Amino acid sequence: MSHSGCTGAFVDARNLFYTRTTSRLARLEWSVALAVSSVAALTHLSEIRWWLFVSLFLVIDLIGYIPGAIAYRRSPDGRVGRGYYVAYNLMHSLVTWAVFAGLWSWLVGAEWALLALPIHLMGDRALFGNSLKPFGVPFEPSIHPDFAAFQQAYARAYDGKGSDAVRV
């Protein structure tokens, strides 16, 4: 059975899944980044160009999520084209927005409105557990049957505790 790509995260370079504990720890890290970004924005409210903040916050999902979500809901079998995954991953990538923020800061100037980017991305990761989407799973989160079987086998083999069973 194939397990690679069942989650957007990994425990190590050869085991591409999170356990419940490692998932919670990763979400805690993302929560800290979300909190730091949010506090920075809150302490500079009067210096934020709100039209830009709101635009940056929304464009991530307007391009990266909503078209794929609509296609998924309209699809009779839940399948959507790879382009929707590529758009989602591109728009939800820390690399994409780090490059954008770097170029914006260089060409236009650094500004507090750019905090919309880490607030959105860290919010997705910390609050909803969403990261990048692999092609082999449904566009909307649901457990892949092969991964469900892997979860059961892993839980049975896990040193008898089972409390840290695999999480998607």
N, C-alpha and C. Protein backbone atom coordinates (compact mmCIF):
# COMPACT_ATOMS: atom_id res chain seq x y z
N MET A 1 0.84 -1.18 0.00
CA MET A 1 0.00 0.00 0.00
C MET A 1 0.87 1.23 0.00
N SER A 2 0.39 2.28 -0.59
CA SER A 2 1.16 3.52 -0.72
C SER A 2 0.77 4.51 0.35
N HIS A 3 1.77 5.02 1.08
CA HIS A 3 1.49 5.96 2.16
C HIS A 3 2.11 7.31 1.92
N SER A 4 3.04 7.42 0.99
CA SER A 4 3.68 8.71 0.79
C SER A 4 2.65 9.72 0.33
N GLY A 5 2.77 10.91 0.86
CA GLY A 5 1.87 11.97 0.47
C GLY A 5 0.53 11.95 1.18
N CYS A 6 0.33 11.10 2.18
CA CYS A 6 -0.95 11.07 2.87
C CYS A 6 -1.15 12.28 3.77
N THR A 7 -0.09 12.91 4.16
CA THR A 7 -0.22 14.18 4.87
C THR A 7 0.78 15.13 4.26
N GLY A 8 0.64 16.39 4.58
CA GLY A 8 1.56 17.38 4.07
C GLY A 8 2.76 17.54 4.98
N ALA A 9 2.94 16.66 5.92
CA ALA A 9 3.99 16.83 6.89
C ALA A 9 4.69 15.51 7.14
N PHE A 10 5.79 15.56 7.87
CA PHE A 10 6.52 14.34 8.09
C PHE A 10 7.15 14.31 9.46
N VAL A 11 7.40 13.09 9.93
CA VAL A 11 8.08 12.88 11.19
C VAL A 11 9.58 12.86 10.95
N ASP A 12 10.00 12.20 9.90
CA ASP A 12 11.40 12.23 9.47
C ASP A 12 11.43 12.04 7.96
N ALA A 13 12.60 11.98 7.40
CA ALA A 13 12.73 11.96 5.94
C ALA A 13 12.20 10.68 5.30
N ARG A 14 11.97 9.65 6.07
CA ARG A 14 11.52 8.38 5.51
C ARG A 14 10.11 7.99 5.95
N ASN A 15 9.54 8.66 6.91
CA ASN A 15 8.22 8.33 7.43
C ASN A 15 7.33 9.56 7.31
N LEU A 16 6.53 9.58 6.27
CA LEU A 16 5.80 10.78 5.91
C LEU A 16 4.40 10.80 6.53
N PHE A 17 4.38 10.87 7.84
CA PHE A 17 3.12 11.00 8.55
C PHE A 17 3.39 11.61 9.91
N TYR A 18 2.35 12.12 10.50
CA TYR A 18 2.41 12.62 11.87
C TYR A 18 1.71 11.62 12.78
N THR A 19 2.19 11.50 13.99
CA THR A 19 1.41 10.85 15.03
C THR A 19 0.57 11.93 15.68
N ARG A 20 -0.34 11.57 16.56
CA ARG A 20 -1.14 12.58 17.25
C ARG A 20 -0.23 13.57 17.99
N THR A 21 0.79 13.04 18.64
CA THR A 21 1.67 13.91 19.42
C THR A 21 2.47 14.85 18.53
N THR A 22 3.08 14.33 17.47
CA THR A 22 3.86 15.21 16.60
C THR A 22 2.97 16.21 15.88
N SER A 23 1.75 15.83 15.56
CA SER A 23 0.81 16.77 14.95
C SER A 23 0.50 17.90 15.92
N ARG A 24 0.24 17.56 17.16
CA ARG A 24 -0.05 18.60 18.15
C ARG A 24 1.15 19.51 18.38
N LEU A 25 2.34 18.94 18.38
CA LEU A 25 3.54 19.77 18.56
C LEU A 25 3.75 20.72 17.38
N ALA A 26 3.53 20.22 16.17
CA ALA A 26 3.66 21.08 14.99
C ALA A 26 2.62 22.19 15.03
N ARG A 27 1.39 21.84 15.39
CA ARG A 27 0.34 22.86 15.48
C ARG A 27 0.64 23.87 16.58
N LEU A 28 1.29 23.42 17.64
CA LEU A 28 1.71 24.35 18.70
C LEU A 28 2.73 25.34 18.15
N GLU A 29 3.70 24.84 17.38
CA GLU A 29 4.69 25.73 16.77
C GLU A 29 4.02 26.75 15.85
N TRP A 30 3.10 26.28 15.02
CA TRP A 30 2.40 27.18 14.11
C TRP A 30 1.54 28.17 14.90
N SER A 31 0.99 27.72 16.03
CA SER A 31 0.19 28.62 16.88
C SER A 31 1.05 29.75 17.44
N VAL A 32 2.28 29.42 17.81
CA VAL A 32 3.19 30.45 18.30
C VAL A 32 3.48 31.47 17.19
N ALA A 33 3.75 30.99 16.00
CA ALA A 33 3.99 31.90 14.87
C ALA A 33 2.75 32.74 14.58
N LEU A 34 1.57 32.14 14.68
CA LEU A 34 0.32 32.87 14.50
C LEU A 34 0.17 33.94 15.58
N ALA A 35 0.46 33.58 16.81
CA ALA A 35 0.34 34.53 17.92
C ALA A 35 1.32 35.70 17.75
N VAL A 36 2.56 35.40 17.40
CA VAL A 36 3.56 36.45 17.21
C VAL A 36 3.12 37.40 16.10
N SER A 37 2.67 36.85 14.97
CA SER A 37 2.22 37.67 13.85
C SER A 37 1.00 38.50 14.23
N SER A 38 0.08 37.90 14.95
CA SER A 38 -1.14 38.60 15.36
C SER A 38 -0.84 39.72 16.35
N VAL A 39 0.04 39.45 17.31
CA VAL A 39 0.41 40.49 18.28
C VAL A 39 1.11 41.64 17.56
N ALA A 40 1.98 41.32 16.62
CA ALA A 40 2.65 42.38 15.85
C ALA A 40 1.62 43.23 15.11
N ALA A 41 0.62 42.59 14.52
CA ALA A 41 -0.42 43.34 13.81
C ALA A 41 -1.24 44.18 14.79
N LEU A 42 -1.61 43.60 15.92
CA LEU A 42 -2.42 44.32 16.90
C LEU A 42 -1.69 45.52 17.49
N THR A 43 -0.40 45.41 17.63
CA THR A 43 0.36 46.53 18.20
C THR A 43 0.67 47.61 17.17
N HIS A 44 0.31 47.36 15.92
CA HIS A 44 0.54 48.35 14.86
C HIS A 44 -0.72 48.61 14.04
N LEU A 45 -1.88 48.48 14.67
CA LEU A 45 -3.15 48.63 13.97
C LEU A 45 -3.25 49.92 13.16
N SER A 46 -2.81 51.01 13.74
CA SER A 46 -2.95 52.30 13.04
C SER A 46 -1.97 52.45 11.87
N GLU A 47 -0.98 51.56 11.79
CA GLU A 47 0.02 51.65 10.73
C GLU A 47 -0.25 50.67 9.59
N ILE A 48 -1.30 49.88 9.71
CA ILE A 48 -1.62 48.89 8.68
C ILE A 48 -2.48 49.53 7.60
N ARG A 49 -2.07 49.34 6.35
CA ARG A 49 -2.91 49.73 5.23
C ARG A 49 -3.94 48.60 5.06
N TRP A 50 -5.15 48.86 5.53
CA TRP A 50 -6.14 47.80 5.65
C TRP A 50 -6.62 47.25 4.32
N TRP A 51 -6.69 48.06 3.29
CA TRP A 51 -7.09 47.54 1.99
C TRP A 51 -6.08 46.49 1.52
N LEU A 52 -4.79 46.72 1.78
CA LEU A 52 -3.76 45.78 1.37
C LEU A 52 -3.79 44.54 2.26
N PHE A 53 -3.92 44.72 3.56
CA PHE A 53 -4.00 43.59 4.50
C PHE A 53 -5.14 42.65 4.10
N VAL A 54 -6.32 43.20 3.93
CA VAL A 54 -7.50 42.39 3.59
C VAL A 54 -7.32 41.73 2.23
N SER A 55 -6.78 42.46 1.27
CA SER A 55 -6.55 41.89 -0.06
C SER A 55 -5.59 40.71 -0.01
N LEU A 56 -4.48 40.88 0.70
CA LEU A 56 -3.51 39.79 0.81
C LEU A 56 -4.10 38.60 1.55
N PHE A 57 -4.85 38.86 2.61
CA PHE A 57 -5.46 37.78 3.39
C PHE A 57 -6.44 36.98 2.53
N LEU A 58 -7.24 37.68 1.73
CA LEU A 58 -8.28 37.01 0.94
C LEU A 58 -7.77 36.34 -0.33
N VAL A 59 -6.76 36.92 -0.98
CA VAL A 59 -6.31 36.40 -2.27
C VAL A 59 -5.81 34.96 -2.15
N ILE A 60 -5.28 34.61 -1.01
CA ILE A 60 -4.78 33.25 -0.81
C ILE A 60 -5.88 32.23 -1.07
N ASP A 61 -7.07 32.46 -0.49
CA ASP A 61 -8.17 31.52 -0.68
C ASP A 61 -8.99 31.80 -1.94
N LEU A 62 -9.05 33.06 -2.36
CA LEU A 62 -9.81 33.37 -3.58
C LEU A 62 -9.22 32.66 -4.80
N ILE A 63 -7.90 32.54 -4.83
CA ILE A 63 -7.24 31.85 -5.94
C ILE A 63 -6.92 30.40 -5.57
N GLY A 64 -6.47 30.19 -4.34
CA GLY A 64 -5.93 28.89 -3.98
C GLY A 64 -6.89 27.87 -3.43
N TYR A 65 -8.02 28.31 -2.87
CA TYR A 65 -8.92 27.34 -2.25
C TYR A 65 -10.31 27.32 -2.88
N ILE A 66 -10.93 28.46 -3.02
CA ILE A 66 -12.34 28.51 -3.42
C ILE A 66 -12.60 27.84 -4.77
N PRO A 67 -11.80 28.08 -5.82
CA PRO A 67 -12.08 27.38 -7.09
C PRO A 67 -12.04 25.85 -6.95
N GLY A 68 -11.07 25.33 -6.22
CA GLY A 68 -10.98 23.89 -6.02
C GLY A 68 -12.12 23.35 -5.18
N ALA A 69 -12.52 24.11 -4.16
CA ALA A 69 -13.64 23.68 -3.31
C ALA A 69 -14.93 23.63 -4.12
N ILE A 70 -15.14 24.61 -4.98
CA ILE A 70 -16.33 24.61 -5.83
C ILE A 70 -16.29 23.42 -6.79
N ALA A 71 -15.14 23.21 -7.43
CA ALA A 71 -15.00 22.08 -8.36
C ALA A 71 -15.22 20.75 -7.64
N TYR A 72 -14.71 20.64 -6.43
CA TYR A 72 -14.87 19.41 -5.65
C TYR A 72 -16.36 19.15 -5.36
N ARG A 73 -17.07 20.19 -4.96
CA ARG A 73 -18.49 20.03 -4.64
C ARG A 73 -19.34 19.75 -5.88
N ARG A 74 -18.90 20.24 -7.02
CA ARG A 74 -19.64 20.02 -8.27
C ARG A 74 -19.30 18.67 -8.90
N SER A 75 -18.18 18.10 -8.53
CA SER A 75 -17.73 16.85 -9.14
C SER A 75 -18.56 15.67 -8.62
N PRO A 76 -19.08 14.85 -9.52
CA PRO A 76 -19.90 13.72 -9.07
C PRO A 76 -19.09 12.68 -8.27
N ASP A 77 -17.79 12.57 -8.56
CA ASP A 77 -16.98 11.58 -7.84
C ASP A 77 -15.97 12.22 -6.89
N GLY A 78 -16.04 13.54 -6.73
CA GLY A 78 -15.13 14.22 -5.80
C GLY A 78 -13.75 14.47 -6.36
N ARG A 79 -13.53 14.13 -7.60
CA ARG A 79 -12.21 14.36 -8.19
C ARG A 79 -12.14 15.72 -8.85
N VAL A 80 -10.98 16.36 -8.70
CA VAL A 80 -10.75 17.64 -9.36
C VAL A 80 -9.41 17.58 -10.06
N GLY A 81 -9.21 18.44 -11.01
CA GLY A 81 -7.97 18.47 -11.77
C GLY A 81 -6.77 18.86 -10.91
N ARG A 82 -5.61 18.44 -11.35
CA ARG A 82 -4.37 18.74 -10.62
C ARG A 82 -4.11 20.24 -10.50
N GLY A 83 -4.61 21.00 -11.45
CA GLY A 83 -4.42 22.44 -11.42
C GLY A 83 -4.95 23.07 -10.14
N TYR A 84 -6.04 22.52 -9.61
CA TYR A 84 -6.59 23.05 -8.36
C TYR A 84 -5.63 22.80 -7.19
N TYR A 85 -5.00 21.63 -7.20
CA TYR A 85 -4.01 21.32 -6.15
C TYR A 85 -2.79 22.24 -6.29
N VAL A 86 -2.35 22.43 -7.52
CA VAL A 86 -1.20 23.30 -7.76
C VAL A 86 -1.52 24.72 -7.31
N ALA A 87 -2.70 25.21 -7.65
CA ALA A 87 -3.10 26.56 -7.23
C ALA A 87 -3.16 26.65 -5.71
N TYR A 88 -3.74 25.65 -5.08
CA TYR A 88 -3.83 25.65 -3.62
C TYR A 88 -2.43 25.68 -3.01
N ASN A 89 -1.59 24.78 -3.46
CA ASN A 89 -0.24 24.68 -2.89
C ASN A 89 0.60 25.92 -3.15
N LEU A 90 0.47 26.49 -4.31
CA LEU A 90 1.21 27.71 -4.63
C LEU A 90 0.75 28.86 -3.73
N MET A 91 -0.55 29.01 -3.57
CA MET A 91 -1.09 30.11 -2.79
C MET A 91 -0.96 29.90 -1.28
N HIS A 92 -0.77 28.66 -0.85
CA HIS A 92 -0.63 28.38 0.58
C HIS A 92 0.81 28.04 0.96
N SER A 93 1.72 28.36 0.09
CA SER A 93 3.13 28.08 0.32
C SER A 93 3.82 29.22 1.06
N LEU A 94 4.54 28.90 2.09
CA LEU A 94 5.35 29.91 2.79
C LEU A 94 6.41 30.47 1.85
N VAL A 95 6.92 29.66 0.95
CA VAL A 95 7.95 30.11 0.00
C VAL A 95 7.37 31.18 -0.93
N THR A 96 6.20 30.91 -1.49
CA THR A 96 5.56 31.87 -2.39
C THR A 96 5.46 33.24 -1.72
N TRP A 97 4.94 33.26 -0.52
CA TRP A 97 4.66 34.52 0.14
C TRP A 97 5.89 35.15 0.76
N ALA A 98 6.90 34.35 1.10
CA ALA A 98 8.17 34.93 1.56
C ALA A 98 8.83 35.67 0.40
N VAL A 99 8.81 35.07 -0.78
CA VAL A 99 9.37 35.73 -1.97
C VAL A 99 8.56 37.00 -2.27
N PHE A 100 7.24 36.88 -2.25
CA PHE A 100 6.40 38.05 -2.51
C PHE A 100 6.68 39.16 -1.50
N ALA A 101 6.69 38.83 -0.21
CA ALA A 101 6.92 39.85 0.83
C ALA A 101 8.31 40.46 0.70
N GLY A 102 9.29 39.65 0.35
CA GLY A 102 10.64 40.16 0.15
C GLY A 102 10.71 41.13 -1.01
N LEU A 103 10.09 40.75 -2.12
CA LEU A 103 10.07 41.64 -3.29
C LEU A 103 9.27 42.91 -3.00
N TRP A 104 8.13 42.78 -2.34
CA TRP A 104 7.31 43.94 -1.99
C TRP A 104 8.11 44.89 -1.10
N SER A 105 8.78 44.33 -0.10
CA SER A 105 9.56 45.16 0.82
C SER A 105 10.70 45.87 0.10
N TRP A 106 11.30 45.21 -0.85
CA TRP A 106 12.42 45.79 -1.59
C TRP A 106 11.94 46.86 -2.56
N LEU A 107 10.84 46.56 -3.29
CA LEU A 107 10.37 47.47 -4.33
C LEU A 107 9.45 48.58 -3.81
N VAL A 108 8.59 48.24 -2.84
CA VAL A 108 7.60 49.20 -2.34
C VAL A 108 7.98 49.69 -0.95
N GLY A 109 8.47 48.78 -0.16
CA GLY A 109 8.82 49.10 1.23
C GLY A 109 8.16 48.12 2.18
N ALA A 110 8.85 47.80 3.26
CA ALA A 110 8.28 46.90 4.27
C ALA A 110 7.10 47.59 4.93
N GLU A 111 6.07 46.81 5.21
CA GLU A 111 4.91 47.39 5.87
C GLU A 111 4.15 46.33 6.64
N TRP A 112 3.39 46.82 7.63
CA TRP A 112 2.69 45.93 8.56
C TRP A 112 1.59 45.14 7.88
N ALA A 113 1.05 45.60 6.78
CA ALA A 113 -0.01 44.88 6.07
C ALA A 113 0.46 43.49 5.61
N LEU A 114 1.75 43.34 5.42
CA LEU A 114 2.29 42.04 5.00
C LEU A 114 2.07 40.95 6.05
N LEU A 115 1.75 41.34 7.26
CA LEU A 115 1.46 40.35 8.31
C LEU A 115 0.21 39.53 8.00
N ALA A 116 -0.60 39.99 7.06
CA ALA A 116 -1.76 39.19 6.65
C ALA A 116 -1.32 37.82 6.15
N LEU A 117 -0.14 37.76 5.55
CA LEU A 117 0.34 36.51 4.97
C LEU A 117 0.63 35.45 6.03
N PRO A 118 1.50 35.71 7.01
CA PRO A 118 1.71 34.67 8.03
C PRO A 118 0.47 34.44 8.89
N ILE A 119 -0.35 35.46 9.10
CA ILE A 119 -1.57 35.26 9.89
C ILE A 119 -2.48 34.26 9.18
N HIS A 120 -2.67 34.43 7.88
CA HIS A 120 -3.51 33.48 7.13
C HIS A 120 -2.89 32.08 7.11
N LEU A 121 -1.63 32.01 6.70
CA LEU A 121 -1.00 30.69 6.54
C LEU A 121 -0.83 29.95 7.86
N MET A 122 -0.41 30.66 8.90
CA MET A 122 -0.25 30.01 10.21
C MET A 122 -1.61 29.69 10.82
N GLY A 123 -2.61 30.52 10.53
CA GLY A 123 -3.97 30.21 10.98
C GLY A 123 -4.47 28.92 10.36
N ASP A 124 -4.27 28.77 9.06
CA ASP A 124 -4.67 27.52 8.39
C ASP A 124 -4.00 26.31 9.04
N ARG A 125 -2.71 26.43 9.29
CA ARG A 125 -1.96 25.30 9.83
C ARG A 125 -2.29 25.05 11.30
N ALA A 126 -2.29 26.11 12.10
CA ALA A 126 -2.48 25.96 13.54
C ALA A 126 -3.93 25.65 13.90
N LEU A 127 -4.87 26.38 13.34
CA LEU A 127 -6.27 26.26 13.74
C LEU A 127 -6.99 25.12 13.03
N PHE A 128 -6.68 24.91 11.75
CA PHE A 128 -7.41 23.92 10.97
C PHE A 128 -6.59 22.69 10.62
N GLY A 129 -5.28 22.71 10.87
CA GLY A 129 -4.43 21.57 10.54
C GLY A 129 -4.18 21.42 9.05
N ASN A 130 -4.45 22.47 8.28
CA ASN A 130 -4.27 22.40 6.82
C ASN A 130 -2.87 22.83 6.44
N SER A 131 -2.28 22.07 5.54
CA SER A 131 -1.00 22.44 4.97
C SER A 131 -1.13 22.28 3.47
N LEU A 132 -0.11 21.81 2.81
CA LEU A 132 -0.17 21.62 1.37
C LEU A 132 -0.94 20.35 1.04
N LYS A 133 -1.53 20.31 -0.16
CA LYS A 133 -2.38 19.18 -0.55
C LYS A 133 -1.66 18.26 -1.54
N PRO A 134 -1.52 16.98 -1.19
CA PRO A 134 -0.98 16.03 -2.17
C PRO A 134 -2.05 15.64 -3.20
N PHE A 135 -1.61 15.32 -4.41
CA PHE A 135 -2.54 14.97 -5.48
C PHE A 135 -3.40 13.74 -5.16
N GLY A 136 -2.89 12.80 -4.39
CA GLY A 136 -3.57 11.51 -4.21
C GLY A 136 -4.68 11.48 -3.19
N VAL A 137 -5.02 12.61 -2.58
CA VAL A 137 -6.11 12.62 -1.60
C VAL A 137 -7.20 13.57 -2.09
N PRO A 138 -8.43 13.41 -1.59
CA PRO A 138 -9.49 14.33 -2.00
C PRO A 138 -9.13 15.78 -1.69
N PHE A 139 -9.66 16.71 -2.50
CA PHE A 139 -9.36 18.12 -2.31
C PHE A 139 -9.81 18.60 -0.93
N GLU A 140 -10.95 18.12 -0.48
CA GLU A 140 -11.42 18.43 0.87
C GLU A 140 -10.98 17.30 1.79
N PRO A 141 -10.56 17.65 3.01
CA PRO A 141 -9.99 16.64 3.91
C PRO A 141 -10.92 15.46 4.18
N SER A 142 -10.42 14.28 3.95
CA SER A 142 -11.05 13.03 4.35
C SER A 142 -9.95 11.98 4.34
N ILE A 143 -10.12 10.97 5.15
CA ILE A 143 -9.07 9.95 5.28
C ILE A 143 -9.07 9.05 4.05
N HIS A 144 -7.92 8.92 3.45
CA HIS A 144 -7.72 8.03 2.30
C HIS A 144 -7.82 6.59 2.82
N PRO A 145 -8.51 5.70 2.10
CA PRO A 145 -8.68 4.32 2.57
C PRO A 145 -7.35 3.60 2.85
N ASP A 146 -6.34 3.81 2.01
CA ASP A 146 -5.04 3.18 2.26
C ASP A 146 -4.42 3.72 3.55
N PHE A 147 -4.61 5.01 3.80
CA PHE A 147 -4.05 5.59 5.01
C PHE A 147 -4.80 5.10 6.24
N ALA A 148 -6.12 4.91 6.13
CA ALA A 148 -6.90 4.37 7.24
C ALA A 148 -6.40 2.97 7.60
N ALA A 149 -6.12 2.16 6.58
CA ALA A 149 -5.59 0.81 6.83
C ALA A 149 -4.22 0.90 7.48
N PHE A 150 -3.39 1.82 7.01
CA PHE A 150 -2.08 2.02 7.61
C PHE A 150 -2.21 2.45 9.07
N GLN A 151 -3.15 3.36 9.36
CA GLN A 151 -3.37 3.81 10.73
C GLN A 151 -3.68 2.64 11.65
N GLN A 152 -4.55 1.76 11.19
CA GLN A 152 -4.93 0.60 12.01
C GLN A 152 -3.74 -0.32 12.23
N ALA A 153 -2.98 -0.59 11.17
CA ALA A 153 -1.81 -1.47 11.30
C ALA A 153 -0.77 -0.83 12.21
N TYR A 154 -0.56 0.46 12.07
CA TYR A 154 0.42 1.16 12.90
C TYR A 154 -0.01 1.14 14.37
N ALA A 155 -1.28 1.38 14.61
CA ALA A 155 -1.79 1.38 15.99
C ALA A 155 -1.63 0.00 16.62
N ARG A 156 -1.87 -1.06 15.84
CA ARG A 156 -1.70 -2.42 16.36
C ARG A 156 -0.24 -2.71 16.67
N ALA A 157 0.67 -2.23 15.84
CA ALA A 157 2.10 -2.53 16.00
C ALA A 157 2.79 -1.59 16.98
N TYR A 158 2.18 -0.45 17.25
CA TYR A 158 2.81 0.56 18.11
C TYR A 158 2.96 -0.01 19.51
N ASP A 159 4.11 -0.07 20.01
CA ASP A 159 4.55 -0.67 21.28
C ASP A 159 3.49 -0.87 22.37
N GLY A 160 2.29 -1.19 21.96
CA GLY A 160 1.27 -1.54 22.93
C GLY A 160 0.52 -0.38 23.53
N LYS A 161 0.99 0.82 23.36
CA LYS A 161 0.33 1.97 23.97
C LYS A 161 -0.85 2.43 23.12
N GLY A 162 -0.63 2.56 21.84
CA GLY A 162 -1.70 2.96 20.94
C GLY A 162 -2.20 4.38 21.13
N SER A 163 -1.74 5.06 22.17
CA SER A 163 -2.24 6.40 22.44
C SER A 163 -1.69 7.44 21.49
N ASP A 164 -0.62 7.11 20.79
CA ASP A 164 -0.02 8.06 19.85
C ASP A 164 -0.24 7.59 18.42
N ALA A 165 -1.42 7.04 18.15
CA ALA A 165 -1.71 6.50 16.83
C ALA A 165 -1.62 7.60 15.76
N VAL A 166 -1.48 7.16 14.57
CA VAL A 166 -1.29 8.07 13.45
C VAL A 166 -2.47 9.01 13.28
N ARG A 167 -2.18 10.22 12.88
CA ARG A 167 -3.18 11.24 12.62
C ARG A 167 -2.96 11.79 11.23
N VAL A 168 -4.04 12.09 10.55
CA VAL A 168 -3.93 12.74 9.25
C VAL A 168 -3.97 14.23 9.42
